[in-house]
C-alpha atoms as a PDB file:
ATOM      1  CA  MET A   1     107.297   1.073   1.066  1.00  0.00           C
ATOM      2  CA  GLN A   2     109.462   0.502  -2.004  1.00  0.00           C
ATOM      3  CA  LYS A   3     110.174  -3.174  -1.027  1.00  0.00           C
ATOM      4  CA  ARG A   4     106.455  -3.865  -0.881  1.00  0.00           C
ATOM      5  CA  ARG A   5     105.979  -2.502  -4.386  1.00  0.00           C
ATOM      6  CA  ARG A   6     108.815  -4.686  -5.704  1.00  0.00           C
ATOM      7  CA  ILE A   7     107.344  -7.726  -3.977  1.00  0.00           C
ATOM      8  CA  GLN A   8     103.920  -7.047  -5.373  1.00  0.00           C
ATOM      9  CA  THR A   9     105.356  -6.496  -8.877  1.00  0.00           C
ATOM     10  CA  LEU A  10     107.205  -9.774  -8.670  1.00  0.00           C
ATOM     11  CA  SER A  11     104.105 -11.525  -7.410  1.00  0.00           C
ATOM     12  CA  LEU A  12     102.091 -10.097 -10.236  1.00  0.00           C
ATOM     13  CA  LYS A  13     104.653 -11.143 -12.785  1.00  0.00           C
ATOM     14  CA  THR A  14     104.790 -14.622 -11.281  1.00  0.00           C
ATOM     15  CA  ILE A  15     101.024 -14.885 -11.510  1.00  0.00           C
ATOM     16  CA  LYS A  16     101.062 -13.818 -15.100  1.00  0.00           C
ATOM     17  CA  GLN A  17     103.699 -16.318 -15.913  1.00  0.00           C
ATOM     18  CA  LEU A  18     101.704 -19.098 -14.227  1.00  0.00           C
ATOM     19  CA  ASP A  19      98.568 -18.116 -16.107  1.00  0.00           C
ATOM     20  CA  GLU A  20     100.516 -18.197 -19.389  1.00  0.00           C
ATOM     21  CA  GLN A  21     101.914 -21.682 -18.526  1.00  0.00           C
ATOM     22  CA  ARG A  22      98.410 -22.922 -17.748  1.00  0.00           C
ATOM     23  CA  LYS A  23      97.030 -21.569 -20.979  1.00  0.00           C
ATOM     24  CA  LYS A  24      99.827 -23.217 -22.944  1.00  0.00           C
ATOM     25  CA  HIS A  25      99.173 -26.471 -21.101  1.00  0.00           C
ATOM     26  CA  LEU A  26      95.447 -26.199 -21.891  1.00  0.00           C
ATOM     27  CA  GLN A  27      96.079 -25.586 -25.558  1.00  0.00           C
ATOM     28  CA  LYS A  28      98.668 -28.350 -25.739  1.00  0.00           C
ATOM     29  CA  GLU A  29      96.927 -31.038 -23.757  1.00  0.00           C
ATOM     30  CA  GLY A  30      93.264 -30.077 -24.132  1.00  0.00           C
ATOM     31  CA  ALA A  31      92.919 -30.497 -20.419  1.00  0.00           C
ATOM     32  CA  ARG A  32      91.214 -28.406 -17.727  1.00  0.00           C
ATOM     33  CA  LEU A  33      93.154 -25.873 -15.727  1.00  0.00           C
ATOM     34  CA  PRO A  34      94.478 -27.493 -12.475  1.00  0.00           C
ATOM     35  CA  GLY A  35      93.214 -24.633 -10.274  1.00  0.00           C
ATOM     36  CA  LEU A  36      89.676 -24.764 -11.761  1.00  0.00           C
ATOM     37  CA  ARG A  37      88.691 -28.450 -11.166  1.00  0.00           C
ATOM     38  CA  PRO A  38      85.075 -29.112 -10.125  1.00  0.00           C
ATOM     39  CA  LYS A  39      84.140 -31.373  -7.313  1.00  0.00           C
ATOM     40  CA  CYS A  40      84.472 -35.126  -7.835  1.00  0.00           C
ATOM     41  CA  SER A  41      80.792 -35.825  -8.658  1.00  0.00           C
ATOM     42  CA  GLN A  42      80.648 -32.876 -10.943  1.00  0.00           C
ATOM     43  CA  ARG A  43      83.976 -33.827 -12.582  1.00  0.00           C
ATOM     44  CA  SER A  44      82.762 -37.251 -13.636  1.00  0.00           C
ATOM     45  CA  ARG A  45      79.554 -35.748 -15.092  1.00  0.00           C
ATOM     46  CA  LEU A  46      81.597 -33.064 -16.887  1.00  0.00           C
ATOM     47  CA  LEU A  47      84.017 -35.584 -18.409  1.00  0.00           C
ATOM     48  CA  VAL A  48      81.182 -37.775 -19.675  1.00  0.00           C
ATOM     49  CA  PHE A  49      79.382 -34.742 -20.962  1.00  0.00           C
ATOM     50  CA  MET A  50      82.419 -33.481 -22.821  1.00  0.00           C
ATOM     51  CA  ASP A  51      82.934 -36.923 -24.408  1.00  0.00           C
ATOM     52  CA  GLU A  52      79.374 -36.958 -25.720  1.00  0.00           C
ATOM     53  CA  HIS A  53      79.482 -33.483 -27.202  1.00  0.00           C
ATOM     54  CA  GLN A  54      82.448 -32.476 -29.236  1.00  0.00           C
ATOM     55  CA  ASN A  55      80.821 -29.391 -30.649  1.00  0.00           C
ATOM     56  CA  PRO A  56      81.286 -26.412 -28.274  1.00  0.00           C
ATOM     57  CA  GLN A  57      77.821 -24.986 -29.021  1.00  0.00           C
ATOM     58  CA  GLU A  58      76.189 -28.342 -28.126  1.00  0.00           C
ATOM     59  CA  ALA A  59      78.379 -28.594 -25.062  1.00  0.00           C
ATOM     60  CA  THR A  60      77.272 -25.033 -24.057  1.00  0.00           C
ATOM     61  CA  LYS A  61      73.627 -25.884 -24.607  1.00  0.00           C
ATOM     62  CA  GLY A  62      74.026 -29.158 -22.589  1.00  0.00           C
ATOM     63  CA  GLY A  63      75.744 -27.276 -19.804  1.00  0.00           C
ATOM     64  CA  GLN A  64      72.922 -24.708 -19.727  1.00  0.00           C
ATOM     65  CA  ASP A  65      70.348 -27.581 -19.576  1.00  0.00           C
ATOM     66  CA  HIS A  66      72.359 -29.126 -16.767  1.00  0.00           C
ATOM     67  CA  LEU A  67      72.388 -25.801 -14.910  1.00  0.00           C
ATOM     68  CA  ARG A  68      68.631 -25.390 -15.399  1.00  0.00           C
ATOM     69  CA  ALA A  69      68.111 -28.889 -14.002  1.00  0.00           C
ATOM     70  CA  ALA A  70      70.365 -28.170 -11.053  1.00  0.00           C
ATOM     71  CA  ALA A  71      68.602 -24.807 -10.439  1.00  0.00           C
ATOM     72  CA  GLY A  72      65.210 -26.685 -10.497  1.00  0.00           C
ATOM     73  CA  ASP A  73      66.476 -29.270  -8.036  1.00  0.00           C
ATOM     74  CA  LEU A  74      67.758 -26.479  -5.775  1.00  0.00           C
ATOM     75  CA  LYS A  75      64.382 -24.711  -6.041  1.00  0.00           C
ATOM     76  CA  GLU A  76      62.511 -27.873  -5.053  1.00  0.00           C
ATOM     77  CA  ALA A  77      64.868 -28.458  -2.115  1.00  0.00           C
ATOM     78  CA  ALA A  78      64.395 -24.894  -0.985  1.00  0.00           C
ATOM     79  CA  ARG A  79      60.615 -25.182  -1.368  1.00  0.00           C
ATOM     80  CA  ALA A  80      60.643 -28.434   0.762  1.00  0.00           C
ATOM     81  CA  LYS A  81      62.808 -26.776   3.357  1.00  0.00           C
ATOM     82  CA  VAL A  82      60.469 -23.787   3.604  1.00  0.00           C
ATOM     83  CA  GLU A  83      57.465 -26.105   3.794  1.00  0.00           C
ATOM     84  CA  ASN A  84      59.056 -28.108   6.697  1.00  0.00           C
ATOM     85  CA  THR A  85      60.008 -24.859   8.501  1.00  0.00           C
ATOM     86  CA  ARG A  86      56.440 -23.509   8.020  1.00  0.00           C
ATOM     87  CA  GLN A  87      54.958 -26.626   9.488  1.00  0.00           C
ATOM     88  CA  ALA A  88      57.303 -26.532  12.492  1.00  0.00           C
ATOM     89  CA  VAL A  89      56.496 -22.863  13.110  1.00  0.00           C
ATOM     90  CA  GLU A  90      52.723 -23.611  12.897  1.00  0.00           C
ATOM     91  CA  GLN A  91      53.154 -26.483  15.361  1.00  0.00           C
ATOM     92  CA  LYS A  92      55.107 -24.309  17.838  1.00  0.00           C
ATOM     93  CA  ALA A  93      52.495 -21.513  17.389  1.00  0.00           C
ATOM     94  CA  ASP A  94      49.710 -23.899  18.193  1.00  0.00           C
ATOM     95  CA  GLU A  95      51.519 -25.058  21.296  1.00  0.00           C
ATOM     96  CA  LEU A  96      52.137 -21.514  22.461  1.00  0.00           C
ATOM     97  CA  ARG A  97      48.541 -20.489  21.681  1.00  0.00           C
ATOM     98  CA  GLY A  98      47.258 -23.427  23.791  1.00  0.00           C
ATOM     99  CA  ALA A  99      49.543 -22.485  26.643  1.00  0.00           C
ATOM    100  CA  ALA A 100      48.453 -18.811  26.478  1.00  0.00           C
ATOM    101  CA  GLN A 101      44.785 -19.821  26.475  1.00  0.00           C
ATOM    102  CA  GLY A 102      45.351 -22.047  29.503  1.00  0.00           C
ATOM    103  CA  LYS A 103      47.103 -19.271  31.362  1.00  0.00           C
ATOM    104  CA  ALA A 104      44.344 -16.778  30.413  1.00  0.00           C
ATOM    105  CA  GLN A 105      41.705 -19.149  31.757  1.00  0.00           C
ATOM    106  CA  GLU A 106      43.676 -19.569  34.955  1.00  0.00           C
ATOM    107  CA  LEU A 107      44.020 -15.744  35.421  1.00  0.00           C
ATOM    108  CA  ARG A 108      40.327 -15.192  34.568  1.00  0.00           C
ATOM    109  CA  GLY A 109      39.400 -17.782  37.259  1.00  0.00           C
ATOM    110  CA  ALA A 110      41.623 -16.076  39.847  1.00  0.00           C
ATOM    111  CA  ALA A 111      40.130 -12.671  39.058  1.00  0.00           C
ATOM    112  CA  GLU A 112      36.594 -13.895  39.316  1.00  0.00           C
ATOM    113  CA  SER A 113      37.265 -15.619  42.661  1.00  0.00           C
ATOM    114  CA  ALA A 114      39.020 -12.434  43.999  1.00  0.00           C
ATOM    115  CA  TRP A 115      36.025 -10.354  42.897  1.00  0.00           C
ATOM    116  CA  SER A 116      33.455 -12.697  44.449  1.00  0.00           C
ATOM    117  CA  ASP A 117      35.466 -12.767  47.664  1.00  0.00           C
ATOM    118  CA  ALA A 118      35.621  -8.945  47.835  1.00  0.00           C
ATOM    119  CA  ARG A 119      31.928  -8.688  47.073  1.00  0.00           C
ATOM    120  CA  SER A 120      30.884 -11.102  49.695  1.00  0.00           C
ATOM    121  CA  LYS A 121      33.081  -9.470  52.332  1.00  0.00           C
ATOM    122  CA  GLY A 122      31.654  -6.042  51.401  1.00  0.00           C
ATOM    123  CA  GLU A 123      28.071  -7.382  51.709  1.00  0.00           C
ATOM    124  CA  ALA A 124      28.852  -8.948  55.007  1.00  0.00           C
ATOM    125  CA  TYR A 125      30.376  -5.690  56.348  1.00  0.00           C
ATOM    126  CA  VAL A 126      27.313  -3.714  55.276  1.00  0.00           C
ATOM    127  CA  ARG A 127      24.931  -6.247  56.944  1.00  0.00           C
ATOM    128  CA  ASP A 128      26.931  -6.252  60.164  1.00  0.00           C
ATOM    129  CA  ASN A 129      27.370  -2.410  60.272  1.00  0.00           C
ATOM    130  CA  PRO A 130      24.581  -0.696  58.356  1.00  0.00           C
ATOM    131  CA  THR A 131      24.944   2.722  59.980  1.00  0.00           C
ATOM    132  CA  LYS A 132      28.656   2.916  59.336  1.00  0.00           C
ATOM    133  CA  ALA A 133      28.133   1.780  55.732  1.00  0.00           C
ATOM    134  CA  VAL A 134      25.510   4.573  55.114  1.00  0.00           C
ATOM    135  CA  LEU A 135      27.783   7.230  56.715  1.00  0.00           C
ATOM    136  CA  ILE A 136      30.791   5.999  54.681  1.00  0.00           C
ATOM    137  CA  ALA A 137      28.726   6.127  51.446  1.00  0.00           C
ATOM    138  CA  LEU A 138      27.445   9.636  52.342  1.00  0.00           C
ATOM    139  CA  GLY A 139      30.998  10.883  53.055  1.00  0.00           C
ATOM    140  CA  LEU A 140      32.397   9.493  49.787  1.00  0.00           C
ATOM    141  CA  GLY A 141      29.460  10.990  47.870  1.00  0.00           C
ATOM    142  CA  LEU A 142      30.058  14.399  49.431  1.00  0.00           C
ATOM    143  CA  LEU A 143      33.875  14.256  48.810  1.00  0.00           C
ATOM    144  CA  LEU A 144      33.339  13.239  45.161  1.00  0.00           C
ATOM    145  CA  GLY A 145      30.782  16.006  44.750  1.00  0.00           C
ATOM    146  CA  LEU A 146      33.199  18.636  46.022  1.00  0.00           C
ATOM    147  CA  LEU A 147      36.066  17.305  43.844  1.00  0.00           C
ATOM    148  CA  LEU A 148      34.054  17.167  40.682  1.00  0.00           C
ATOM    149  CA  ARG A 149      32.475  20.627  41.202  1.00  0.00           C
ATOM    150  CA  LYS A 150      35.864  22.418  40.933  1.00  0.00           C
END
């Protein structure tokens, strides 16, 4: 446990020493910190920007303008991406809606044909056996009457 504390203390001291060296280098050379370099495309813009504006307030204002422009570009890119996604979702929804309507029509047709088949078979049975049909209807009526009365 004590060894870890010593190592952490040494690391913290080392980090502080490195930070001090970087600050001295920055003050001496007027250069950027090595650990805080922007990407290549941003670096070239930043160097040109710093050459144009020697006044720190002007540089700050220019940096803010640059950030606003970058935020606007990002906002436009996000808006375009959202619009593309919305169109893709609408297209997929239309495809699924069409498939669902086709399946519903198919099932409706199957139900109608099954109903018409059952109805025609029932009518044929009643025509072939009228006495049985009347007795069955009478029995069902009596059974339902007894069940519903209680």
